[in-house]
Amino acid sequence: VELMGSGWRKERRDAPLYNTWRNWCDAVAAPSIFLLKGLPDAVVLDLSPLRTLHQFGTIAQCLHERYPNSDILFSLDEHPEYHEEDWLQRPLHQLPRYEILWNFDNLTSSRADAKSLAKVLALDICNFPILKTRSSSIPKTPRVKPG
């Protein structure tokens, strides 16, 4: 999804496209990828819709090795109050985001570079061995009641 800036609307104090896309990704158990257009452009990969709490760090490390210059915006150590059962049972909007960010400063790279990274990430993340070999105790789609 491409958003101008962060997608925040001052009039309504919300980011509906961002939230809708993130909820859809949660429903299909896929990471959400955003291209934030602005100065600088940024590609954000949100792993929280996967709901695989103990694999976030491993996935982030693999992505950082494949696509350098990334920043992890959330660490599980920052939120010890969230446990594995929270990640499997609570609605996504009640959970913190686990995001990986790639900044494009528009001086050494272009918006086309950001778009191509987003496309490559979308194709590559589907083929991650970690996500293909989920244990049977982790459902492929979340079992969360809406609301």
Protein backbone atom coordinates (compact mmCIF):
# COMPACT_ATOMS: atom_id res chain seq x y z
CA VAL A 1 0.00 0.00 0.00
CA GLU A 2 1.29 3.48 -0.84
CA LEU A 3 0.55 6.29 1.61
CA MET A 4 1.36 10.00 1.50
CA GLY A 5 3.34 10.51 4.68
CA SER A 6 2.00 8.24 7.41
CA GLY A 7 -1.62 8.26 6.21
CA TRP A 8 -2.71 10.20 9.32
CA ARG A 9 -5.76 12.45 8.86
CA LYS A 10 -5.75 15.44 11.18
CA GLU A 11 -9.49 16.07 10.75
CA ARG A 12 -10.52 12.63 12.03
CA ARG A 13 -7.39 11.68 13.97
CA ASP A 14 -7.02 8.34 12.27
CA ALA A 15 -5.25 6.48 9.47
CA PRO A 16 -8.05 4.37 7.92
CA LEU A 17 -6.19 2.95 4.91
CA TYR A 18 -3.25 1.95 7.11
CA ASN A 19 -5.55 0.28 9.65
CA THR A 20 -7.71 -1.45 7.03
CA TRP A 21 -4.68 -2.87 5.21
CA ARG A 22 -3.13 -4.04 8.47
CA ASN A 23 -6.39 -5.77 9.50
CA TRP A 24 -6.65 -7.50 6.12
CA CYS A 25 -3.06 -8.73 6.47
CA ASP A 26 -3.95 -10.02 9.92
CA ALA A 27 -6.94 -11.91 8.50
CA VAL A 28 -4.76 -13.72 5.95
CA ALA A 29 -1.72 -14.03 8.28
CA ALA A 30 0.61 -12.06 6.02
CA PRO A 31 3.04 -9.25 6.87
CA SER A 32 1.95 -5.79 5.77
CA ILE A 33 4.18 -3.67 3.55
CA PHE A 34 3.78 0.09 3.25
CA LEU A 35 5.48 2.62 1.02
CA LEU A 36 5.39 5.95 2.86
CA LYS A 37 5.85 8.73 0.31
CA GLY A 38 7.40 11.90 1.63
CA LEU A 39 10.78 13.32 2.49
CA PRO A 40 12.36 10.84 2.89
CA ASP A 41 10.45 7.98 1.31
CA ALA A 42 10.34 4.84 3.43
CA VAL A 43 9.36 1.21 3.12
CA VAL A 44 7.85 -0.28 6.27
CA LEU A 45 7.38 -4.01 6.81
CA ASP A 46 5.06 -4.82 9.71
CA LEU A 47 5.53 -8.40 10.96
CA SER A 48 2.91 -8.24 13.71
CA PRO A 49 0.06 -9.64 11.51
CA LEU A 50 2.04 -12.90 11.37
CA ARG A 51 1.49 -13.30 15.14
CA THR A 52 4.65 -15.42 15.48
CA LEU A 53 6.07 -13.75 18.56
CA HIS A 54 9.21 -15.86 18.92
CA GLN A 55 10.11 -15.65 15.22
CA PHE A 56 10.00 -11.86 14.83
CA GLY A 57 13.68 -11.48 15.70
CA THR A 58 14.78 -14.29 13.38
CA ILE A 59 12.76 -12.92 10.47
CA ALA A 60 14.07 -9.41 11.10
CA GLN A 61 17.66 -10.67 11.18
CA CYS A 62 17.21 -12.57 7.89
CA LEU A 63 15.69 -9.48 6.25
CA HIS A 64 18.47 -7.25 7.55
CA GLU A 65 21.08 -9.60 6.05
CA ARG A 66 19.31 -9.75 2.67
CA TYR A 67 18.35 -6.07 2.52
CA PRO A 68 20.79 -3.96 4.58
CA ASN A 69 20.24 -0.45 5.95
CA SER A 70 17.11 -1.42 7.84
CA ASP A 71 16.01 -0.25 11.26
CA ILE A 72 13.88 -2.33 13.63
CA LEU A 73 11.33 0.02 15.16
CA PHE A 74 10.09 -2.26 17.93
CA SER A 75 11.81 -4.67 20.23
CA LEU A 76 9.99 -7.31 22.21
CA ASP A 77 12.08 -6.31 25.22
CA GLU A 78 10.33 -2.92 25.21
CA HIS A 79 6.92 -4.51 25.83
CA PRO A 80 7.29 -7.37 28.34
CA GLU A 81 3.59 -7.08 29.27
CA TYR A 82 2.59 -8.85 26.03
CA HIS A 83 2.77 -12.63 26.22
CA GLU A 84 2.39 -15.30 23.57
CA GLU A 85 -1.29 -15.88 24.40
CA ASP A 86 -1.93 -12.15 23.84
CA TRP A 87 -0.47 -12.42 20.35
CA LEU A 88 -2.70 -15.38 19.55
CA GLN A 89 -5.95 -14.13 21.09
CA ARG A 90 -6.13 -10.33 21.14
CA PRO A 91 -7.22 -8.18 18.17
CA LEU A 92 -4.32 -6.75 16.21
CA HIS A 93 -5.11 -3.13 17.03
CA GLN A 94 -4.52 -3.91 20.73
CA LEU A 95 -1.02 -5.24 20.09
CA PRO A 96 2.19 -3.28 19.43
CA ARG A 97 3.60 -3.18 15.93
CA TYR A 98 6.84 -4.97 15.06
CA GLU A 99 8.12 -2.96 12.12
CA ILE A 100 11.26 -2.91 10.01
CA LEU A 101 12.01 0.36 8.22
CA TRP A 102 14.10 1.21 5.17
CA ASN A 103 14.62 4.94 4.55
CA PHE A 104 15.27 6.38 1.08
CA ASP A 105 16.69 9.89 1.33
CA ASN A 106 15.79 10.89 -2.26
CA LEU A 107 19.36 12.14 -2.78
CA THR A 108 21.19 8.87 -3.31
CA SER A 109 18.10 6.82 -4.11
CA SER A 110 14.77 7.42 -5.78
CA ARG A 111 11.14 6.57 -5.21
CA ALA A 112 11.55 3.88 -7.86
CA ASP A 113 14.16 2.24 -5.60
CA ALA A 114 11.68 2.28 -2.72
CA LYS A 115 8.94 0.80 -4.89
CA SER A 116 11.22 -1.93 -6.21
CA LEU A 117 12.25 -2.86 -2.65
CA ALA A 118 8.59 -3.07 -1.62
CA LYS A 119 7.86 -5.36 -4.59
CA VAL A 120 10.86 -7.58 -3.90
CA LEU A 121 9.93 -7.81 -0.21
CA ALA A 122 6.37 -8.78 -1.11
CA LEU A 123 7.60 -11.64 -3.29
CA ASP A 124 10.44 -12.69 -1.02
CA ILE A 125 8.58 -12.73 2.30
CA CYS A 126 6.13 -15.33 0.95
CA ASN A 127 9.03 -17.73 0.35
CA PHE A 128 10.72 -17.41 3.74
CA PRO A 129 11.54 -20.90 5.06
CA ILE A 130 10.58 -19.84 8.60
CA LEU A 131 7.06 -18.98 7.51
CA LYS A 132 6.65 -22.15 5.45
CA THR A 133 7.64 -24.44 8.31
CA ARG A 134 5.30 -23.18 11.01
CA SER A 135 4.57 -25.67 13.71
CA SER A 136 1.07 -27.12 13.92
CA SER A 137 0.50 -25.28 17.22
CA ILE A 138 0.66 -21.93 15.40
CA PRO A 139 -2.39 -21.47 13.18
CA LYS A 140 -1.87 -20.17 9.65
CA THR A 141 -4.63 -17.61 10.18
CA PRO A 142 -5.40 -15.99 13.55
CA ARG A 143 -8.24 -17.31 15.66
CA VAL A 144 -9.32 -13.96 17.02
CA LYS A 145 -12.88 -12.82 17.54
CA PRO A 146 -13.54 -9.55 15.71
CA GLY A 147 -13.72 -6.33 17.71
